């Protein structure tokens, strides 16, 4: 499955920290901070990694659903529809993901 190259580039433009790397995964693109997957692009949606409290809040927002791969729900992850990702919203999701991932030990 192809992923949204425009969304991928928007992420690259924002994720300029040298601790961030990217890798193709899940038929999409994933961005890692200190070795921990933080966000990604799956088709035209944003994959966001959040803690338990963040997931609960996120699922109440428009355009957000659980991230599933092969019919299996990925705990700690949500998908955000591309049409809900104007610049302020995208920046907010990146902040939330980074805030959570920064609590994890580097890999």
C-alpha atoms as a PDB file:
ATOM      1  CA  UNK A   1       0.000   0.000   0.000  1.00  0.00           C
ATOM      2  CA  UNK A   2       1.367   3.413  -0.939  1.00  0.00           C
ATOM      3  CA  UNK A   3       1.510   6.198   1.603  1.00  0.00           C
ATOM      4  CA  UNK A   4       0.814   9.910   1.259  1.00  0.00           C
ATOM      5  CA  UNK A   5       4.124  11.442   0.162  1.00  0.00           C
ATOM      6  CA  UNK A   6       2.866  14.967   0.895  1.00  0.00           C
ATOM      7  CA  UNK A   7       2.090  14.054   4.517  1.00  0.00           C
ATOM      8  CA  UNK A   8       5.442  12.263   4.759  1.00  0.00           C
ATOM      9  CA  UNK A   9       7.235  15.414   3.578  1.00  0.00           C
ATOM     10  CA  UNK A  10       5.262  17.578   6.019  1.00  0.00           C
ATOM     11  CA  UNK A  11       6.549  15.292   8.784  1.00  0.00           C
ATOM     12  CA  UNK A  12      10.133  15.410   7.492  1.00  0.00           C
ATOM     13  CA  UNK A  13       9.969  19.214   7.447  1.00  0.00           C
ATOM     14  CA  UNK A  14       8.969  19.222  11.130  1.00  0.00           C
ATOM     15  CA  UNK A  15      11.039  16.304  12.463  1.00  0.00           C
ATOM     16  CA  UNK A  16      14.492  17.804  12.076  1.00  0.00           C
ATOM     17  CA  UNK A  17      15.981  16.645  15.389  1.00  0.00           C
ATOM     18  CA  UNK A  18      19.050  14.450  14.715  1.00  0.00           C
ATOM     19  CA  UNK A  19      17.530  11.868  17.109  1.00  0.00           C
ATOM     20  CA  UNK A  20      14.745  11.269  14.548  1.00  0.00           C
ATOM     21  CA  UNK A  21      15.144   8.617  11.861  1.00  0.00           C
ATOM     22  CA  UNK A  22      12.691   7.201   9.342  1.00  0.00           C
ATOM     23  CA  UNK A  23      12.034   3.709   8.073  1.00  0.00           C
ATOM     24  CA  UNK A  24       9.445   2.060   5.823  1.00  0.00           C
ATOM     25  CA  UNK A  25       7.075  -0.135   7.867  1.00  0.00           C
ATOM     26  CA  UNK A  26       3.489  -1.444   7.755  1.00  0.00           C
ATOM     27  CA  UNK A  27       3.383  -0.543   4.068  1.00  0.00           C
ATOM     28  CA  UNK A  28       3.923   3.050   5.172  1.00  0.00           C
ATOM     29  CA  UNK A  29       6.599   5.222   6.699  1.00  0.00           C
ATOM     30  CA  UNK A  30       7.590   5.397  10.376  1.00  0.00           C
ATOM     31  CA  UNK A  31       9.571   8.036  12.254  1.00  0.00           C
ATOM     32  CA  UNK A  32      11.598   7.053  15.316  1.00  0.00           C
ATOM     33  CA  UNK A  33      12.906   9.237  18.139  1.00  0.00           C
ATOM     34  CA  UNK A  34      15.935   7.730  19.887  1.00  0.00           C
ATOM     35  CA  UNK A  35      14.943   4.367  18.417  1.00  0.00           C
ATOM     36  CA  UNK A  36      11.289   4.490  19.544  1.00  0.00           C
ATOM     37  CA  UNK A  37       8.604   4.730  16.889  1.00  0.00           C
ATOM     38  CA  UNK A  38       6.823   8.043  17.405  1.00  0.00           C
ATOM     39  CA  UNK A  39       4.621   8.779  14.369  1.00  0.00           C
ATOM     40  CA  UNK A  40       4.149   7.492  10.865  1.00  0.00           C
ATOM     41  CA  UNK A  41       2.145   7.616   7.678  1.00  0.00           C
ATOM     42  CA  UNK A  42      -0.230   4.800   6.737  1.00  0.00           C
ATOM     43  CA  UNK A  43      -2.043   5.436   3.424  1.00  0.00           C
ATOM     44  CA  UNK A  44      -3.245   9.041   3.910  1.00  0.00           C
ATOM     45  CA  UNK A  45      -3.466   8.876   7.703  1.00  0.00           C
ATOM     46  CA  UNK A  46      -1.099   9.824  10.507  1.00  0.00           C
ATOM     47  CA  UNK A  47      -0.063   7.078  12.935  1.00  0.00           C
ATOM     48  CA  UNK A  48       0.440   8.534  16.418  1.00  0.00           C
ATOM     49  CA  UNK A  49       1.954   6.845  19.481  1.00  0.00           C
ATOM     50  CA  UNK A  50       0.393   7.908  22.774  1.00  0.00           C
ATOM     51  CA  UNK A  51       0.223   6.670  26.337  1.00  0.00           C
ATOM     52  CA  UNK A  52      -2.964   5.144  27.762  1.00  0.00           C
ATOM     53  CA  UNK A  53      -4.418   8.472  28.891  1.00  0.00           C
ATOM     54  CA  UNK A  54      -3.561  10.060  25.554  1.00  0.00           C
ATOM     55  CA  UNK A  55      -5.275   7.247  23.636  1.00  0.00           C
ATOM     56  CA  UNK A  56      -8.454   7.648  25.644  1.00  0.00           C
ATOM     57  CA  UNK A  57      -8.572  11.408  24.951  1.00  0.00           C
ATOM     58  CA  UNK A  58      -7.564  11.007  21.300  1.00  0.00           C
ATOM     59  CA  UNK A  59     -10.370   8.573  20.507  1.00  0.00           C
ATOM     60  CA  UNK A  60     -12.942  11.234  21.439  1.00  0.00           C
ATOM     61  CA  UNK A  61     -11.638  13.562  18.706  1.00  0.00           C
ATOM     62  CA  UNK A  62     -12.985  13.774  15.157  1.00  0.00           C
ATOM     63  CA  UNK A  63     -11.111  11.776  12.536  1.00  0.00           C
ATOM     64  CA  UNK A  64      -9.353   9.514  15.064  1.00  0.00           C
ATOM     65  CA  UNK A  65      -9.631   5.727  15.262  1.00  0.00           C
ATOM     66  CA  UNK A  66      -7.598   2.860  16.710  1.00  0.00           C
ATOM     67  CA  UNK A  67      -4.642   1.713  14.613  1.00  0.00           C
ATOM     68  CA  UNK A  68      -5.151  -1.840  13.395  1.00  0.00           C
ATOM     69  CA  UNK A  69      -2.808  -3.998  11.340  1.00  0.00           C
ATOM     70  CA  UNK A  70      -4.122  -7.246   9.896  1.00  0.00           C
ATOM     71  CA  UNK A  71      -7.265  -7.012  12.020  1.00  0.00           C
ATOM     72  CA  UNK A  72      -5.195  -6.647  15.195  1.00  0.00           C
ATOM     73  CA  UNK A  73      -5.478  -3.492  17.285  1.00  0.00           C
ATOM     74  CA  UNK A  74      -2.108  -1.925  18.067  1.00  0.00           C
ATOM     75  CA  UNK A  75      -2.223  -0.838  21.707  1.00  0.00           C
ATOM     76  CA  UNK A  76      -0.885   2.646  22.268  1.00  0.00           C
ATOM     77  CA  UNK A  77      -1.495   3.835  18.714  1.00  0.00           C
ATOM     78  CA  UNK A  78      -4.176   5.778  16.846  1.00  0.00           C
ATOM     79  CA  UNK A  79      -4.729   6.798  13.240  1.00  0.00           C
ATOM     80  CA  UNK A  80      -5.729  10.359  12.399  1.00  0.00           C
ATOM     81  CA  UNK A  81      -7.526  10.913   9.094  1.00  0.00           C
ATOM     82  CA  UNK A  82      -5.600  13.075   6.645  1.00  0.00           C
ATOM     83  CA  UNK A  83      -8.444  15.560   6.287  1.00  0.00           C
ATOM     84  CA  UNK A  84      -8.066  16.398  10.010  1.00  0.00           C
ATOM     85  CA  UNK A  85      -4.403  17.376   9.715  1.00  0.00           C
ATOM     86  CA  UNK A  86      -4.153  21.071   9.026  1.00  0.00           C
ATOM     87  CA  UNK A  87      -0.829  22.517  10.213  1.00  0.00           C
ATOM     88  CA  UNK A  88      -1.875  23.340  13.819  1.00  0.00           C
ATOM     89  CA  UNK A  89      -3.489  19.906  14.257  1.00  0.00           C
ATOM     90  CA  UNK A  90      -0.446  18.104  12.825  1.00  0.00           C
ATOM     91  CA  UNK A  91       1.853  20.081  15.111  1.00  0.00           C
ATOM     92  CA  UNK A  92      -0.346  19.190  18.097  1.00  0.00           C
ATOM     93  CA  UNK A  93      -0.252  15.467  17.299  1.00  0.00           C
ATOM     94  CA  UNK A  94       3.525  15.584  16.918  1.00  0.00           C
ATOM     95  CA  UNK A  95       3.855  17.346  20.274  1.00  0.00           C
ATOM     96  CA  UNK A  96       1.654  14.743  21.986  1.00  0.00           C
ATOM     97  CA  UNK A  97       3.546  11.822  20.443  1.00  0.00           C
ATOM     98  CA  UNK A  98       6.936  13.297  21.281  1.00  0.00           C
ATOM     99  CA  UNK A  99       5.835  14.046  24.844  1.00  0.00           C
ATOM    100  CA  UNK A 100       4.933  10.386  25.347  1.00  0.00           C
ATOM    101  CA  UNK A 101       7.930   8.890  23.535  1.00  0.00           C
ATOM    102  CA  UNK A 102      10.325  11.125  25.454  1.00  0.00           C
ATOM    103  CA  UNK A 103       9.348   9.149  28.585  1.00  0.00           C
ATOM    104  CA  UNK A 104      10.620   5.898  27.016  1.00  0.00           C
ATOM    105  CA  UNK A 105      14.226   4.707  27.316  1.00  0.00           C
ATOM    106  CA  UNK A 106      16.287   5.007  24.107  1.00  0.00           C
ATOM    107  CA  UNK A 107      16.704   1.828  22.066  1.00  0.00           C
END
